[in-house]
Protein backbone atom coordinates (compact mmCIF):
# COMPACT_ATOMS: atom_id res chain seq x y z
CA MET A 1 149.39 126.13 45.52
CA LYS A 2 146.61 127.69 47.59
CA LEU A 3 144.30 127.56 44.57
CA ILE A 4 144.95 123.83 44.11
CA LYS A 5 144.20 123.19 47.81
CA LYS A 6 140.95 125.15 47.51
CA ILE A 7 139.95 123.17 44.42
CA ILE A 8 140.73 119.87 46.16
CA LEU A 9 138.78 120.94 49.26
CA PHE A 10 135.83 122.00 47.09
CA VAL A 11 135.83 118.66 45.24
CA VAL A 12 136.03 116.73 48.54
CA VAL A 13 133.15 118.74 50.08
CA ILE A 14 130.97 118.26 46.97
CA GLY A 15 131.81 114.54 46.98
CA VAL A 16 130.89 114.14 50.65
CA LEU A 17 127.65 116.07 50.15
CA GLY A 18 126.81 113.97 47.08
CA VAL A 19 127.43 110.68 48.89
CA SER A 20 125.46 111.88 51.93
CA PHE A 21 122.51 112.93 49.77
CA TYR A 22 122.56 109.61 47.90
CA ALA A 23 122.54 107.77 51.25
CA TYR A 24 119.63 109.95 52.45
CA MET A 25 117.71 109.06 49.27
CA GLY A 26 118.18 105.36 50.03
CA GLY A 27 120.84 104.79 47.41
CA PHE A 28 122.82 102.41 49.60
CA ARG A 29 119.74 100.63 50.92
CA GLU A 30 119.55 96.89 50.26
CA VAL A 31 116.36 96.03 48.35
CA GLU A 32 114.54 92.94 49.59
CA VAL A 33 112.36 91.08 47.09
CA LYS A 34 109.46 88.95 48.35
CA GLU A 35 106.51 87.08 46.89
CA THR A 36 102.98 88.29 47.60
CA ASN A 37 99.52 88.65 46.05
CA PHE A 38 98.23 91.86 44.50
CA GLY A 39 94.62 92.74 43.60
CA THR A 40 91.79 92.63 42.93
CA VAL A 41 91.91 96.41 42.37
CA GLU A 42 89.63 98.53 40.20
CA ILE A 43 91.19 101.75 38.95
CA PHE A 44 90.34 104.69 36.71
CA ILE A 45 93.11 105.44 34.27
CA TYR A 46 94.95 107.81 31.95
CA THR A 47 97.46 106.70 29.30
CA HIS A 48 100.95 108.06 28.69
CA LYS A 49 103.20 107.28 25.73
CA GLY A 50 106.80 108.40 25.65
CA PRO A 51 109.68 108.96 28.07
CA TYR A 52 108.98 108.41 31.75
CA LYS A 53 110.57 111.78 32.53
CA ASN A 54 107.48 113.38 30.95
CA LEU A 55 104.99 111.49 33.12
CA ASN A 56 104.36 114.59 35.23
CA GLU A 57 102.75 116.28 32.19
CA SER A 58 100.33 113.38 31.77
CA TRP A 59 99.69 113.34 35.52
CA ASP A 60 98.70 117.02 35.42
CA GLN A 61 96.16 116.26 32.66
CA PHE A 62 94.89 113.21 34.53
CA GLN A 63 94.47 115.20 37.74
CA LYS A 64 92.43 117.82 35.89
CA GLU A 65 90.14 115.04 34.64
CA TRP A 66 89.41 113.49 38.02
CA GLU A 67 89.13 116.84 39.76
CA SER A 68 86.60 117.95 37.11
CA ILE A 69 84.16 115.28 38.34
CA GLY A 70 84.50 116.35 41.96
CA LEU A 71 87.24 114.03 43.26
CA THR A 72 89.77 115.56 45.61
CA GLU A 73 92.04 112.58 46.29
CA CYS A 74 93.78 109.90 44.23
CA ASN A 75 95.29 106.76 45.71
CA SER A 76 97.74 106.54 42.84
CA LEU A 77 99.64 103.86 40.97
CA ALA A 78 101.11 103.31 37.54
CA ILE A 79 101.31 100.29 35.26
CA TYR A 80 104.34 100.08 32.98
CA LEU A 81 103.67 97.95 29.90
CA ASP A 82 107.10 97.86 28.25
CA GLY A 83 110.51 96.51 29.15
CA PRO A 84 113.73 98.51 29.54
CA GLU A 85 114.85 97.67 25.99
CA THR A 86 111.94 99.71 24.55
CA PRO A 87 112.90 103.03 22.88
CA ASP A 88 111.82 106.04 24.97
CA ASP A 89 109.32 107.30 22.40
CA LYS A 90 107.54 103.92 22.35
CA LEU A 91 107.21 103.43 26.11
CA ARG A 92 103.60 102.93 27.25
CA SER A 93 102.43 103.50 30.78
CA VAL A 94 99.06 103.83 32.47
CA LEU A 95 98.44 106.21 35.36
CA GLY A 96 95.69 105.11 37.71
CA CYS A 97 93.77 105.86 40.89
CA ARG A 98 92.25 103.13 43.04
CA MET A 99 88.48 103.16 43.33
CA ASP A 100 88.19 101.28 46.62
CA GLY A 101 86.94 103.55 49.37
CA LEU A 102 84.94 105.77 47.00
CA SER A 103 81.17 106.14 47.29
CA ASP A 104 78.75 104.48 44.87
CA ILE A 105 77.90 107.93 43.46
CA GLN A 106 81.57 108.71 42.84
CA ILE A 107 82.15 105.32 41.19
CA LYS A 108 79.11 105.82 38.94
CA SER A 109 80.40 109.25 37.90
CA ILE A 110 83.89 107.86 37.22
CA LYS A 111 82.57 105.01 35.08
CA SER A 112 80.44 107.36 33.01
CA LYS A 113 83.26 109.82 32.28
CA LEU A 114 86.64 108.08 32.64
CA LYS A 115 88.25 104.85 31.47
CA THR A 116 88.53 102.10 34.09
CA PHE A 117 90.38 98.81 34.42
CA LEU A 118 90.15 95.90 36.82
CA ILE A 119 93.51 94.50 37.94
CA PRO A 120 92.79 90.87 38.84
CA GLU A 121 94.32 89.13 41.81
CA MET A 122 97.75 87.89 40.87
CA LYS A 123 100.90 86.44 42.33
CA CYS A 124 103.74 88.98 42.32
CA ILE A 125 107.22 89.67 43.43
CA THR A 126 107.36 92.89 45.42
CA ALA A 127 109.78 95.37 46.96
CA THR A 128 109.51 98.66 48.82
CA PHE A 129 111.72 101.72 48.53
CA PRO A 130 111.69 104.91 50.64
CA PHE A 131 110.17 108.05 49.17
CA LYS A 132 112.00 111.28 50.07
CA ASN A 133 111.19 113.68 47.23
CA PHE A 134 110.53 113.66 43.47
CA LEU A 135 114.03 112.27 42.82
CA SER A 136 112.86 109.04 44.47
CA TYR A 137 110.82 108.36 41.32
CA PHE A 138 114.11 108.11 39.41
CA ILE A 139 116.40 106.49 42.00
CA ALA A 140 113.98 103.80 43.24
CA PRO A 141 113.57 102.01 39.87
CA THR A 142 117.36 101.85 39.40
CA LYS A 143 117.59 99.98 42.70
CA VAL A 144 114.47 97.79 42.51
CA TYR A 145 114.28 96.55 38.91
CA PRO A 146 117.78 95.05 38.78
CA LYS A 147 116.77 93.00 41.86
CA PHE A 148 113.57 91.95 40.10
CA GLN A 149 115.60 90.91 37.04
CA LYS A 150 117.95 88.89 39.22
CA THR A 151 115.00 87.15 40.89
CA HIS A 152 113.58 86.25 37.47
CA SER A 153 116.90 84.94 36.21
CA GLU A 154 117.09 82.61 39.22
CA SER A 155 113.63 81.14 38.62
CA SER A 156 111.45 80.04 35.74
CA ALA A 157 108.82 82.67 36.47
CA LYS A 158 107.49 84.77 33.62
CA THR A 159 106.35 88.33 34.04
CA SER A 160 104.16 90.69 32.07
CA VAL A 161 104.18 94.25 33.42
CA ALA A 162 105.42 96.35 36.34
CA ILE A 163 103.15 98.15 38.81
CA GLU A 164 104.28 100.96 41.09
CA VAL A 165 102.01 102.08 43.94
CA TYR A 166 102.54 105.62 45.20
CA GLY A 167 99.65 106.21 47.59
CA GLY A 168 97.43 109.20 48.35
CA SER A 169 97.95 112.41 46.39
CA SER A 170 97.24 114.71 49.32
CA ASN A 171 98.76 112.59 52.11
CA PHE A 172 102.40 112.29 53.09
CA VAL A 173 103.86 109.20 51.45
CA ASP A 174 107.07 107.68 52.81
CA HIS A 175 107.58 104.76 50.40
CA ILE A 176 106.87 103.39 46.92
CA ASP A 177 105.70 99.80 46.51
CA PHE A 178 106.80 97.87 43.43
CA PHE A 179 104.99 94.80 42.09
CA MET A 180 105.77 92.57 39.15
CA PRO A 181 103.21 89.86 38.33
CA ILE A 182 104.60 86.39 37.76
CA GLU A 183 102.94 83.55 35.87
CA MET A 184 100.31 86.01 34.61
CA SER A 185 99.34 86.06 30.94
CA ARG A 186 100.06 89.26 29.07
CA GLU A 187 96.52 88.98 27.66
CA VAL A 188 95.18 90.22 31.01
CA PHE A 189 96.60 93.65 30.13
CA ALA A 190 95.50 93.60 26.47
CA PRO A 191 92.63 96.08 27.17
CA LEU A 192 95.26 98.61 28.34
CA GLU A 193 97.45 98.04 25.27
CA SER A 194 94.44 98.60 23.02
CA LEU A 195 94.12 102.16 24.36
CA PHE A 196 97.35 103.22 22.64
């Protein structure tokens, strides 16, 4: 009988800790979707094909590239080109760093050695989610994208890609911004698709 009580107590404690951690991560937070404009933003980029869980490997390679030309900071974002129905091995995403705020010399060096892309100004739906640790990269999309899908189902808006903005690589970041262009032709992102 004592063993059963200990097992029940253990399960209850683990459950409480799990729920508390999920709440800390923002799991119970209500996501608010708004309309805004995004862009114009010029970025230098690195492509990734395959499961999102392996993005950190591509990020490590990307960071080596931009550090090799003397950059010490990346105001980071990612562009996701494929919908949730896409098989993991076919998923295409583009890692990027914003070029605004860099010197003319740095921009010239970037353009001579790395691929770049200009995100035009576009109308978007947007949402913000708190960033606590690396698990936020996995929890946030499960909370935000269903809200985006609901917003789309309630309107006639068409979308093309998803953009997630993470912020500075060496600065403390407390949130992730999500953007999904609406009424924007997929052709705008054709130069990125051609890289795969």
